[in-house]
Amino acid sequence: MRLDRFLTSQNAATRREAKELCRAGLVRVNGEPVRDASMNIDPAADMVLLRGVPVEFKEHLYVMLNKPQGVICATEDGRHQTVLDLVPPELYRRGMAPAGRLDIDTEGFVLLTDDGDFAHRMLSPKHHVPKTYQAVLEHPISSEEIKVFCGGIVLSDGTKCLPAQCRIVQEGDNPLAEVVLYEGKYHQIKRMFEAVGNHVERLKRIKIGGLELDPNLLPGECREMLHKECGLILGSNLSQK
């Protein structure tokens, strides 16, 4: 990989800045100053220092975002703020996109990455990666309705859903239910509750696979994920990837 491309891919500098930094003698490879930004390096083996600080090579970047309401899961949009608009420059990568979607009025865990293979495995129907949601409901849900969810509910248009887990989290004036899905149909949770005569007032995704949304992330905030956290999503250890 060219040195300037390496620095750009790691968000250390733009292509133009990389050339200027090399000319100024501020870039070293394996201890030696490099004046030519077009020099080829091995990102996995060579040590690159920028202003004396090591530039760690990361082939891909994985970001956990706590999506607020009113933001859409898209890479660009002319009318609404997108999830990528919330990513700070130091966490952004060319080719980054949301792995899956949440409705504009649904909040919670969205994973952003430039690793298309990981996103495909996470979203592939054959893997059935579970996604956990909390729904504030108009009416309390009964144990009989929960059994309907667990048996595979049929939506108003005749669509049969896979069996889903559902449990009561809170009763009273603001009934709260937790639902675990193993698929992702259009507006699925809202349509599932409509099928049993209920209405979702507010919806939040709190978990993907075995990884929970970081409780320290406020709506609109994000952070880089560790490879072991990615492994929790897929149920495997990505450090061996």
Protein backbone atom coordinates (compact mmCIF):
# COMPACT_ATOMS: atom_id res chain seq x y z
CA MET A 1 0.00 0.00 0.00
CA ARG A 2 1.25 3.50 -0.80
CA LEU A 3 2.26 5.48 2.26
CA ASP A 4 -0.06 8.40 1.48
CA ARG A 5 -2.98 6.01 0.98
CA PHE A 6 -2.14 4.31 4.28
CA LEU A 7 -2.17 7.61 6.17
CA THR A 8 -5.44 8.59 4.50
CA SER A 9 -7.10 5.23 5.23
CA GLN A 10 -6.25 5.58 8.93
CA ASN A 11 -7.61 9.15 9.08
CA ALA A 12 -4.12 10.41 9.92
CA ALA A 13 -3.97 12.88 7.03
CA THR A 14 -5.45 13.76 3.67
CA ARG A 15 -3.52 12.73 0.55
CA ARG A 16 -2.19 16.28 0.13
CA GLU A 17 -1.27 16.56 3.81
CA ALA A 18 0.55 13.23 3.64
CA LYS A 19 2.80 14.55 0.86
CA GLU A 20 3.52 17.76 2.78
CA LEU A 21 4.25 15.84 6.00
CA CYS A 22 6.69 13.58 4.18
CA ARG A 23 8.48 16.52 2.58
CA ALA A 24 8.80 18.09 6.04
CA GLY A 25 10.42 14.94 7.40
CA LEU A 26 7.59 14.26 9.85
CA VAL A 27 6.89 10.72 8.65
CA ARG A 28 9.15 7.78 9.47
CA VAL A 29 8.90 4.17 8.38
CA ASN A 30 10.77 1.66 10.53
CA GLY A 31 12.72 4.52 12.06
CA GLU A 32 13.82 6.10 8.78
CA PRO A 33 12.41 9.41 7.49
CA VAL A 34 10.49 9.06 4.24
CA ARG A 35 10.27 12.01 1.86
CA ASP A 36 8.31 10.25 -0.87
CA ALA A 37 4.64 9.73 0.02
CA SER A 38 4.22 7.28 -2.88
CA MET A 39 6.53 4.75 -1.20
CA ASN A 40 4.98 1.30 -0.80
CA ILE A 41 4.73 -0.13 2.71
CA ASP A 42 3.34 -3.26 4.34
CA PRO A 43 0.72 -1.92 6.79
CA ALA A 44 0.77 -5.14 8.81
CA ALA A 45 4.55 -5.27 9.20
CA ASP A 46 6.02 -1.77 8.88
CA MET A 47 6.03 0.73 11.75
CA VAL A 48 4.85 4.17 10.64
CA LEU A 49 5.44 7.19 12.87
CA LEU A 50 3.76 10.53 12.29
CA ARG A 51 5.36 13.35 14.28
CA GLY A 52 6.87 10.63 16.47
CA VAL A 53 3.53 8.95 17.21
CA PRO A 54 2.80 5.42 15.87
CA VAL A 55 -0.04 5.18 13.35
CA GLU A 56 -1.86 1.96 14.21
CA PHE A 57 -3.17 0.06 11.20
CA LYS A 58 -6.82 -0.95 11.34
CA GLU A 59 -8.08 -2.75 8.26
CA HIS A 60 -11.68 -1.94 9.15
CA LEU A 61 -13.51 0.28 11.60
CA TYR A 62 -16.61 -0.64 13.62
CA VAL A 63 -18.63 2.09 15.33
CA MET A 64 -21.50 1.81 17.81
CA LEU A 65 -24.01 4.63 17.48
CA ASN A 66 -26.94 5.48 19.74
CA LYS A 67 -29.27 6.76 17.03
CA PRO A 68 -31.75 9.43 18.11
CA GLN A 69 -35.21 9.89 16.65
CA GLY A 70 -35.39 11.97 13.47
CA VAL A 71 -32.15 10.59 12.00
CA ILE A 72 -32.25 8.15 9.08
CA CYS A 73 -30.07 5.11 8.47
CA ALA A 74 -28.56 6.14 5.15
CA THR A 75 -25.23 7.35 3.83
CA GLU A 76 -26.72 10.56 2.43
CA ASP A 77 -30.06 12.32 2.21
CA GLY A 78 -31.18 15.70 0.98
CA ARG A 79 -33.87 16.24 3.62
CA HIS A 80 -32.87 14.51 6.83
CA GLN A 81 -29.79 14.14 8.98
CA THR A 82 -28.17 10.73 8.46
CA VAL A 83 -26.35 8.44 10.86
CA LEU A 84 -23.07 9.26 9.09
CA ASP A 85 -23.59 12.95 9.87
CA LEU A 86 -23.23 12.02 13.55
CA VAL A 87 -19.82 10.33 13.13
CA PRO A 88 -16.85 12.53 14.14
CA PRO A 89 -14.00 12.81 11.57
CA GLU A 90 -11.64 10.61 13.58
CA LEU A 91 -14.11 7.70 13.41
CA TYR A 92 -15.18 8.13 9.80
CA ARG A 93 -13.94 5.87 7.00
CA ARG A 94 -14.57 6.03 3.28
CA GLY A 95 -17.11 3.33 2.47
CA MET A 96 -18.65 3.39 5.94
CA ALA A 97 -22.36 2.57 6.06
CA PRO A 98 -24.99 1.41 8.55
CA ALA A 99 -25.24 -2.37 8.89
CA GLY A 100 -29.01 -2.59 8.77
CA ARG A 101 -31.61 0.08 9.33
CA LEU A 102 -33.83 1.57 11.98
CA ASP A 103 -36.93 3.62 11.16
CA ILE A 104 -36.57 7.39 11.42
CA ASP A 105 -38.58 7.44 14.66
CA THR A 106 -36.80 4.41 16.16
CA GLU A 107 -33.76 5.03 18.34
CA GLY A 108 -30.91 2.96 19.68
CA PHE A 109 -28.08 0.71 18.55
CA VAL A 110 -26.86 1.12 14.97
CA LEU A 111 -23.58 -0.41 13.85
CA LEU A 112 -21.55 1.54 11.28
CA THR A 113 -18.65 -0.06 9.44
CA ASP A 114 -16.60 -0.13 6.26
CA ASP A 115 -16.39 -3.93 6.52
CA GLY A 116 -18.95 -5.12 3.99
CA ASP A 117 -18.28 -8.79 4.71
CA PHE A 118 -19.04 -8.33 8.41
CA ALA A 119 -22.23 -6.40 7.63
CA HIS A 120 -23.35 -9.12 5.24
CA ARG A 121 -22.80 -11.86 7.82
CA MET A 122 -24.63 -9.83 10.46
CA LEU A 123 -27.64 -9.24 8.21
CA SER A 124 -27.75 -12.58 6.39
CA PRO A 125 -31.06 -14.41 7.04
CA LYS A 126 -29.20 -17.71 7.41
CA HIS A 127 -27.35 -16.44 10.48
CA HIS A 128 -30.45 -15.12 12.28
CA VAL A 129 -28.48 -12.67 14.43
CA PRO A 130 -30.99 -11.66 17.16
CA LYS A 131 -31.84 -8.00 17.68
CA THR A 132 -33.40 -6.87 20.94
CA TYR A 133 -35.82 -3.95 21.27
CA GLN A 134 -37.71 -2.20 24.02
CA ALA A 135 -41.16 -0.92 23.10
CA VAL A 136 -43.27 1.54 25.06
CA LEU A 137 -46.86 0.44 24.40
CA GLU A 138 -50.25 2.07 24.43
CA HIS A 139 -51.75 -0.86 26.35
CA PRO A 140 -50.24 -3.58 28.55
CA ILE A 141 -49.54 -6.83 26.72
CA SER A 142 -51.11 -10.01 28.03
CA SER A 143 -49.55 -13.42 28.52
CA GLU A 144 -51.77 -14.77 25.73
CA GLU A 145 -50.44 -12.15 23.31
CA ILE A 146 -46.90 -13.04 24.32
CA LYS A 147 -47.64 -16.65 23.36
CA VAL A 148 -48.75 -15.42 19.93
CA PHE A 149 -45.40 -13.67 19.48
CA CYS A 150 -43.52 -16.79 20.55
CA GLY A 151 -45.47 -18.96 18.12
CA GLY A 152 -44.79 -16.80 15.08
CA ILE A 153 -47.33 -14.04 14.65
CA VAL A 154 -49.24 -13.47 11.40
CA LEU A 155 -49.35 -9.83 10.30
CA SER A 156 -52.43 -8.09 8.90
CA ASP A 157 -51.31 -8.72 5.32
CA GLY A 158 -50.90 -12.45 5.96
CA THR A 159 -47.12 -12.38 6.42
CA LYS A 160 -45.95 -15.08 8.85
CA CYS A 161 -43.15 -13.97 11.15
CA LEU A 162 -40.54 -16.21 12.70
CA PRO A 163 -41.09 -16.99 16.39
CA ALA A 164 -39.96 -14.04 18.52
CA GLN A 165 -39.25 -13.66 22.20
CA CYS A 166 -41.38 -11.19 24.12
CA ARG A 167 -41.52 -10.34 27.81
CA ILE A 168 -43.05 -7.68 30.04
CA VAL A 169 -40.48 -5.26 31.44
CA GLN A 170 -42.80 -2.73 33.05
CA GLU A 171 -46.53 -2.55 33.68
CA GLY A 172 -48.69 0.40 34.63
CA ASP A 173 -49.24 3.71 32.83
CA ASN A 174 -46.25 3.27 30.51
CA PRO A 175 -46.16 -0.44 29.75
CA LEU A 176 -42.80 -1.58 28.43
CA ALA A 177 -42.10 -4.80 26.56
CA GLU A 178 -38.85 -6.35 25.35
CA VAL A 179 -38.88 -8.13 22.01
CA VAL A 180 -36.14 -10.23 20.41
CA LEU A 181 -36.37 -10.66 16.62
CA TYR A 182 -34.48 -13.09 14.41
CA GLU A 183 -35.42 -11.36 11.17
CA GLY A 184 -36.01 -7.82 9.97
CA LYS A 185 -39.22 -7.18 8.08
CA TYR A 186 -40.46 -3.68 7.30
CA HIS A 187 -41.79 -1.96 10.46
CA GLN A 188 -41.98 -5.45 11.93
CA ILE A 189 -42.34 -4.75 15.65
CA LYS A 190 -44.95 -2.05 15.11
CA ARG A 191 -46.91 -4.35 12.81
CA MET A 192 -46.62 -7.25 15.25
CA PHE A 193 -48.18 -5.23 18.06
CA GLU A 194 -50.83 -3.88 15.70
CA ALA A 195 -51.74 -7.48 14.91
CA VAL A 196 -52.67 -8.02 18.58
CA GLY A 197 -54.50 -4.68 18.87
CA ASN A 198 -51.74 -2.64 20.46
CA HIS A 199 -49.71 0.39 19.43
CA VAL A 200 -46.01 1.14 19.83
CA GLU A 201 -45.53 4.61 21.28
CA ARG A 202 -41.73 4.49 21.28
CA LEU A 203 -39.16 1.96 20.10
CA LYS A 204 -35.48 1.48 20.90
CA ARG A 205 -32.98 -1.17 19.83
CA ILE A 206 -30.84 -2.08 22.82
CA LYS A 207 -28.87 -5.10 21.65
CA ILE A 208 -27.49 -6.78 18.52
CA GLY A 209 -26.49 -10.40 18.94
CA GLY A 210 -24.82 -10.64 22.32
CA LEU A 211 -23.68 -6.99 22.42
CA GLU A 212 -25.70 -4.42 24.34
CA LEU A 213 -25.84 -0.72 23.53
CA ASP A 214 -23.31 1.13 25.69
CA PRO A 215 -25.38 2.82 28.44
CA ASN A 216 -22.84 5.67 28.53
CA LEU A 217 -23.69 6.74 24.98
CA LEU A 218 -26.19 9.58 24.88
CA PRO A 219 -28.53 9.86 21.86
CA GLY A 220 -26.41 10.96 18.90
CA GLU A 221 -23.14 9.78 20.43
CA CYS A 222 -20.93 7.01 19.11
CA ARG A 223 -17.69 5.19 19.88
CA GLU A 224 -15.33 2.74 18.26
CA MET A 225 -16.01 -0.92 18.96
CA LEU A 226 -13.44 -3.55 19.87
CA HIS A 227 -13.03 -6.73 17.83
CA LYS A 228 -14.18 -8.80 20.80
CA GLU A 229 -17.41 -6.76 20.78
CA CYS A 230 -17.88 -7.56 17.10
CA GLY A 231 -17.41 -11.19 18.07
CA LEU A 232 -20.28 -10.89 20.53
CA ILE A 233 -22.52 -9.82 17.66
CA LEU A 234 -21.71 -12.78 15.45
CA GLY A 235 -21.01 -15.22 18.25
CA SER A 236 -17.42 -15.70 17.07
CA ASN A 237 -13.95 -14.33 17.79
CA LEU A 238 -13.05 -11.86 15.04
CA SER A 239 -9.52 -11.48 16.36
CA GLN A 240 -8.79 -14.61 14.29
CA LYS A 241 -10.10 -12.99 11.15
